[in-house]
């Protein structure tokens, strides 16, 4: 009986390592593609249609990276459910739902970025000055969509972080960072409705715990997978 129990524990540990590394690989795609399309690409484009037209290939690559990020982010919470779901099914389902709902919001926002790309590609037929207003409007609408998606990028971290703390399958300090990061995202989004908040120190640093927690979780899962931990199952 003891031998069967030990073999069962070994099987569970092996499955968790494998599932954890799959989740880590998906997380890496989300992190790298997100950094590329949300941070690096905007830093290269400057301001206005003329500047963006000079970097149209970079603009196009940013769209492709955003699409890749959305596909990976659709799969990531499902992979995390396999790792953490037996700790608390309701909380894990909330984690999946909150992450998944951001994907159609992000894709709808990307439609405006595609409109902006079409405007850039039309500059050969008309001057950059003549399309600049429409280009800026498309980017503004894209930004509004990302603003809404950010709320759910933060909210899914709350059940995710709580499950990490509960299960111990990742270091619990990562769970704490994820929880703080989720709160930070919500503060940044809600605060963004207040004039002047976007330029405040709180806005600039509110999501730093999320960055540390998400990158840390990604690297831990890739290197070690998920560990058995101590899970108090709650499937009801």
Protein backbone atom coordinates (compact mmCIF):
# COMPACT_ATOMS: atom_id res chain seq x y z
CA UNK A 1 0.00 0.00 0.00
CA UNK A 2 2.82 2.39 0.89
CA UNK A 3 4.58 1.64 -2.40
CA UNK A 4 1.41 2.46 -4.38
CA UNK A 5 1.01 5.67 -2.39
CA UNK A 6 4.62 6.69 -3.08
CA UNK A 7 4.23 5.92 -6.78
CA UNK A 8 1.08 8.03 -6.81
CA UNK A 9 2.92 10.96 -5.21
CA UNK A 10 5.71 10.64 -7.79
CA UNK A 11 3.12 10.66 -10.58
CA UNK A 12 1.41 13.76 -9.20
CA UNK A 13 4.75 15.56 -8.81
CA UNK A 14 5.75 14.65 -12.38
CA UNK A 15 2.40 15.84 -13.76
CA UNK A 16 2.62 19.12 -11.86
CA UNK A 17 6.15 19.76 -13.14
CA UNK A 18 5.02 19.11 -16.70
CA UNK A 19 1.84 21.20 -16.45
CA UNK A 20 3.76 23.95 -14.69
CA UNK A 21 6.35 24.15 -17.45
CA UNK A 22 3.62 24.30 -20.10
CA UNK A 23 2.06 27.21 -18.19
CA UNK A 24 5.50 28.80 -17.84
CA UNK A 25 6.12 28.57 -21.61
CA UNK A 26 2.77 30.23 -22.34
CA UNK A 27 3.52 32.89 -19.74
CA UNK A 28 6.87 33.58 -21.41
CA UNK A 29 5.11 34.18 -24.73
CA UNK A 30 2.69 36.57 -23.01
CA UNK A 31 5.49 38.45 -21.23
CA UNK A 32 7.82 38.80 -24.22
CA UNK A 33 5.16 39.64 -26.79
CA UNK A 34 3.53 42.06 -24.34
CA UNK A 35 6.79 43.87 -23.64
CA UNK A 36 7.41 44.11 -27.39
CA UNK A 37 4.01 45.41 -28.50
CA UNK A 38 3.01 47.46 -25.44
CA UNK A 39 6.36 49.00 -24.50
CA UNK A 40 9.09 48.69 -27.15
CA UNK A 41 7.03 49.37 -30.30
CA UNK A 42 5.42 52.60 -29.00
CA UNK A 43 8.86 53.82 -27.92
CA UNK A 44 10.10 53.49 -31.52
CA UNK A 45 7.25 55.24 -33.33
CA UNK A 46 7.47 58.79 -32.11
CA UNK A 47 4.44 61.06 -32.49
CA UNK A 48 2.18 61.44 -35.50
CA UNK A 49 1.49 59.60 -38.73
CA UNK A 50 4.65 60.77 -40.48
CA UNK A 51 6.89 59.36 -37.75
CA UNK A 52 4.95 56.09 -37.60
CA UNK A 53 4.97 55.75 -41.40
CA UNK A 54 8.77 55.78 -41.32
CA UNK A 55 8.58 52.73 -39.01
CA UNK A 56 5.59 51.00 -40.59
CA UNK A 57 7.25 47.57 -40.41
CA UNK A 58 7.72 48.03 -36.66
CA UNK A 59 4.08 49.12 -36.37
CA UNK A 60 3.01 46.00 -38.28
CA UNK A 61 5.22 43.76 -36.11
CA UNK A 62 3.59 45.24 -33.01
CA UNK A 63 0.17 44.19 -34.30
CA UNK A 64 1.41 40.65 -34.96
CA UNK A 65 2.95 40.47 -31.46
CA UNK A 66 -0.31 41.67 -29.90
CA UNK A 67 -2.23 38.93 -31.70
CA UNK A 68 0.28 36.36 -30.44
CA UNK A 69 -0.05 37.72 -26.90
CA UNK A 70 -3.84 37.39 -27.03
CA UNK A 71 -3.72 33.77 -28.21
CA UNK A 72 -1.21 32.87 -25.49
CA UNK A 73 -3.22 34.76 -22.86
CA UNK A 74 -6.33 32.84 -23.86
CA UNK A 75 -4.51 29.55 -23.19
CA UNK A 76 -2.50 30.62 -20.12
CA UNK A 77 -5.33 30.68 -17.53
CA UNK A 78 -6.48 27.26 -18.73
CA UNK A 79 -2.96 25.95 -18.18
CA UNK A 80 -2.85 27.59 -14.74
CA UNK A 81 -6.19 25.96 -13.90
CA UNK A 82 -4.55 22.55 -14.37
CA UNK A 83 -1.80 23.58 -11.94
CA UNK A 84 -3.90 25.31 -9.27
CA UNK A 85 -7.52 24.28 -9.85
CA UNK A 86 -7.70 21.54 -7.22
CA UNK A 87 -6.95 24.05 -4.49
CA UNK A 88 -10.29 25.79 -4.97
CA UNK A 89 -12.39 25.23 -8.07
CA UNK A 90 -14.52 28.35 -7.71
CA UNK A 91 -11.52 30.65 -7.33
CA UNK A 92 -9.73 28.93 -10.22
CA UNK A 93 -12.81 29.34 -12.41
CA UNK A 94 -12.89 33.06 -11.52
CA UNK A 95 -9.21 33.29 -12.49
CA UNK A 96 -9.95 31.77 -15.90
CA UNK A 97 -13.04 33.92 -16.49
CA UNK A 98 -11.37 37.22 -15.56
CA UNK A 99 -8.36 36.55 -17.77
CA UNK A 100 -10.39 35.24 -20.70
CA UNK A 101 -12.80 38.18 -20.83
CA UNK A 102 -9.87 40.53 -21.53
CA UNK A 103 -9.08 38.80 -24.83
CA UNK A 104 -12.12 39.93 -26.87
CA UNK A 105 -11.69 43.42 -25.40
CA UNK A 106 -8.06 43.45 -26.52
CA UNK A 107 -8.91 42.12 -29.98
CA UNK A 108 -11.64 44.74 -30.42
CA UNK A 109 -9.09 47.41 -29.50
CA UNK A 110 -6.65 45.95 -32.01
CA UNK A 111 -9.19 46.64 -34.77
CA UNK A 112 -8.49 50.34 -34.27
CA UNK A 113 -4.75 49.67 -34.56
CA UNK A 114 -5.42 47.94 -37.88
CA UNK A 115 -7.34 51.04 -38.97
CA UNK A 116 -4.27 53.09 -38.09
CA UNK A 117 -2.07 50.74 -40.13
CA UNK A 118 -4.34 51.15 -43.16
CA UNK A 119 -3.99 54.92 -42.81
CA UNK A 120 -0.20 54.64 -42.70
CA UNK A 121 -0.21 52.51 -45.83
CA UNK A 122 -2.30 55.16 -47.61
CA UNK A 123 0.25 57.90 -47.07
CA UNK A 124 1.72 57.19 -50.51
CA UNK A 125 -1.57 58.32 -52.04
CA UNK A 126 -2.08 61.30 -49.73
CA UNK A 127 0.07 63.38 -47.42
CA UNK A 128 0.84 62.39 -43.84
CA UNK A 129 -0.72 65.67 -42.67
CA UNK A 130 -4.05 64.78 -44.27
CA UNK A 131 -4.30 61.42 -42.47
CA UNK A 132 -2.77 62.47 -39.17
CA UNK A 133 -6.04 63.39 -37.45
CA UNK A 134 -7.67 60.07 -38.38
CA UNK A 135 -4.51 58.21 -37.37
CA UNK A 136 -4.43 59.86 -33.95
CA UNK A 137 -8.14 59.11 -33.47
CA UNK A 138 -7.57 55.41 -34.27
CA UNK A 139 -4.72 55.23 -31.75
CA UNK A 140 -6.85 57.00 -29.15
CA UNK A 141 -9.63 54.43 -29.59
CA UNK A 142 -7.07 51.62 -29.39
CA UNK A 143 -5.79 53.15 -26.15
CA UNK A 144 -9.29 53.26 -24.71
CA UNK A 145 -9.73 49.55 -25.39
CA UNK A 146 -6.39 48.73 -23.77
CA UNK A 147 -7.42 50.85 -20.78
CA UNK A 148 -10.49 48.62 -20.27
CA UNK A 149 -8.51 45.40 -20.88
CA UNK A 150 -6.01 46.50 -18.20
CA UNK A 151 -8.72 46.20 -15.58
CA UNK A 152 -9.05 42.48 -16.29
CA UNK A 153 -5.27 42.05 -16.64
CA UNK A 154 -5.25 43.10 -13.00
CA UNK A 155 -8.38 41.38 -11.74
CA UNK A 156 -7.29 37.88 -12.82
CA UNK A 157 -4.14 38.28 -10.69
CA UNK A 158 -6.26 38.42 -7.53
CA UNK A 159 -7.58 34.83 -7.66
CA UNK A 160 -4.30 33.70 -9.22
CA UNK A 161 -2.26 35.16 -6.36
CA UNK A 162 -4.65 33.80 -3.75
CA UNK A 163 -4.39 30.29 -5.23
CA UNK A 164 -0.58 30.50 -5.17
CA UNK A 165 -0.69 31.52 -1.50
CA UNK A 166 -3.17 28.75 -0.65
CA UNK A 167 -1.52 25.91 -2.57
CA UNK A 168 2.19 26.60 -2.10
CA UNK A 169 2.81 25.24 -5.59
CA UNK A 170 4.86 28.33 -6.34
CA UNK A 171 6.76 30.39 -3.76
CA UNK A 172 4.22 32.23 -1.66
CA UNK A 173 6.08 35.52 -2.07
CA UNK A 174 5.04 35.37 -5.73
CA UNK A 175 1.42 34.98 -4.65
CA UNK A 176 1.72 38.09 -2.49
CA UNK A 177 3.27 40.07 -5.37
CA UNK A 178 0.48 38.91 -7.70
CA UNK A 179 -2.18 40.06 -5.22
CA UNK A 180 -0.50 43.44 -4.76
CA UNK A 181 -0.08 43.73 -8.51
CA UNK A 182 -3.74 42.98 -9.12
CA UNK A 183 -4.71 45.74 -6.70
CA UNK A 184 -2.17 48.02 -8.41
CA UNK A 185 -3.77 47.48 -11.81
CA UNK A 186 -7.21 48.28 -10.44
CA UNK A 187 -5.87 51.42 -8.74
CA UNK A 188 -4.17 52.50 -11.97
CA UNK A 189 -7.35 52.00 -14.03
CA UNK A 190 -9.71 53.65 -11.55
CA UNK A 191 -7.20 56.41 -10.88
CA UNK A 192 -6.85 56.96 -14.61
CA UNK A 193 -10.33 58.46 -14.54
CA UNK A 194 -9.06 61.19 -12.19
CA UNK A 195 -7.39 64.17 -13.90
CA UNK A 196 -3.66 64.28 -13.28
CA UNK A 197 -3.40 60.80 -11.77
CA UNK A 198 -1.66 59.33 -14.83
CA UNK A 199 1.39 61.51 -14.15
CA UNK A 200 1.61 60.66 -10.45
CA UNK A 201 4.22 58.43 -8.81
CA UNK A 202 1.49 56.06 -7.65
CA UNK A 203 0.35 55.52 -11.23
CA UNK A 204 3.91 54.92 -12.42
CA UNK A 205 4.69 52.29 -9.78
CA UNK A 206 1.27 50.74 -9.08
CA UNK A 207 1.83 47.76 -11.37
CA UNK A 208 5.45 47.08 -10.40
CA UNK A 209 4.48 44.23 -8.01
CA UNK A 210 2.52 42.68 -10.90
CA UNK A 211 5.58 42.80 -13.15
CA UNK A 212 7.75 41.18 -10.47
CA UNK A 213 5.12 38.58 -9.62
CA UNK A 214 4.30 37.65 -13.21
CA UNK A 215 7.90 37.50 -14.46
CA UNK A 216 8.88 35.61 -11.31
CA UNK A 217 6.04 33.12 -11.76
CA UNK A 218 6.92 32.67 -15.41
CA UNK A 219 10.58 31.93 -14.66
CA UNK A 220 9.81 29.66 -11.70
CA UNK A 221 7.36 27.59 -13.74
CA UNK A 222 9.77 27.32 -16.66
CA UNK A 223 12.69 26.25 -14.48
CA UNK A 224 10.99 24.10 -11.86
CA UNK A 225 7.37 23.55 -12.87
CA UNK A 226 4.82 23.48 -10.07
CA UNK A 227 5.58 21.69 -6.84
CA UNK A 228 3.18 19.48 -4.92
CA UNK A 229 2.74 21.99 -2.08
CA UNK A 230 0.07 21.51 0.53
CA UNK A 231 -3.34 21.73 -1.10
CA UNK A 232 -6.57 21.70 0.86
CA UNK A 233 -8.93 20.65 -1.89
CA UNK A 234 -12.26 22.36 -2.25
CA UNK A 235 -14.02 21.17 -5.36
CA UNK A 236 -17.55 22.01 -4.32
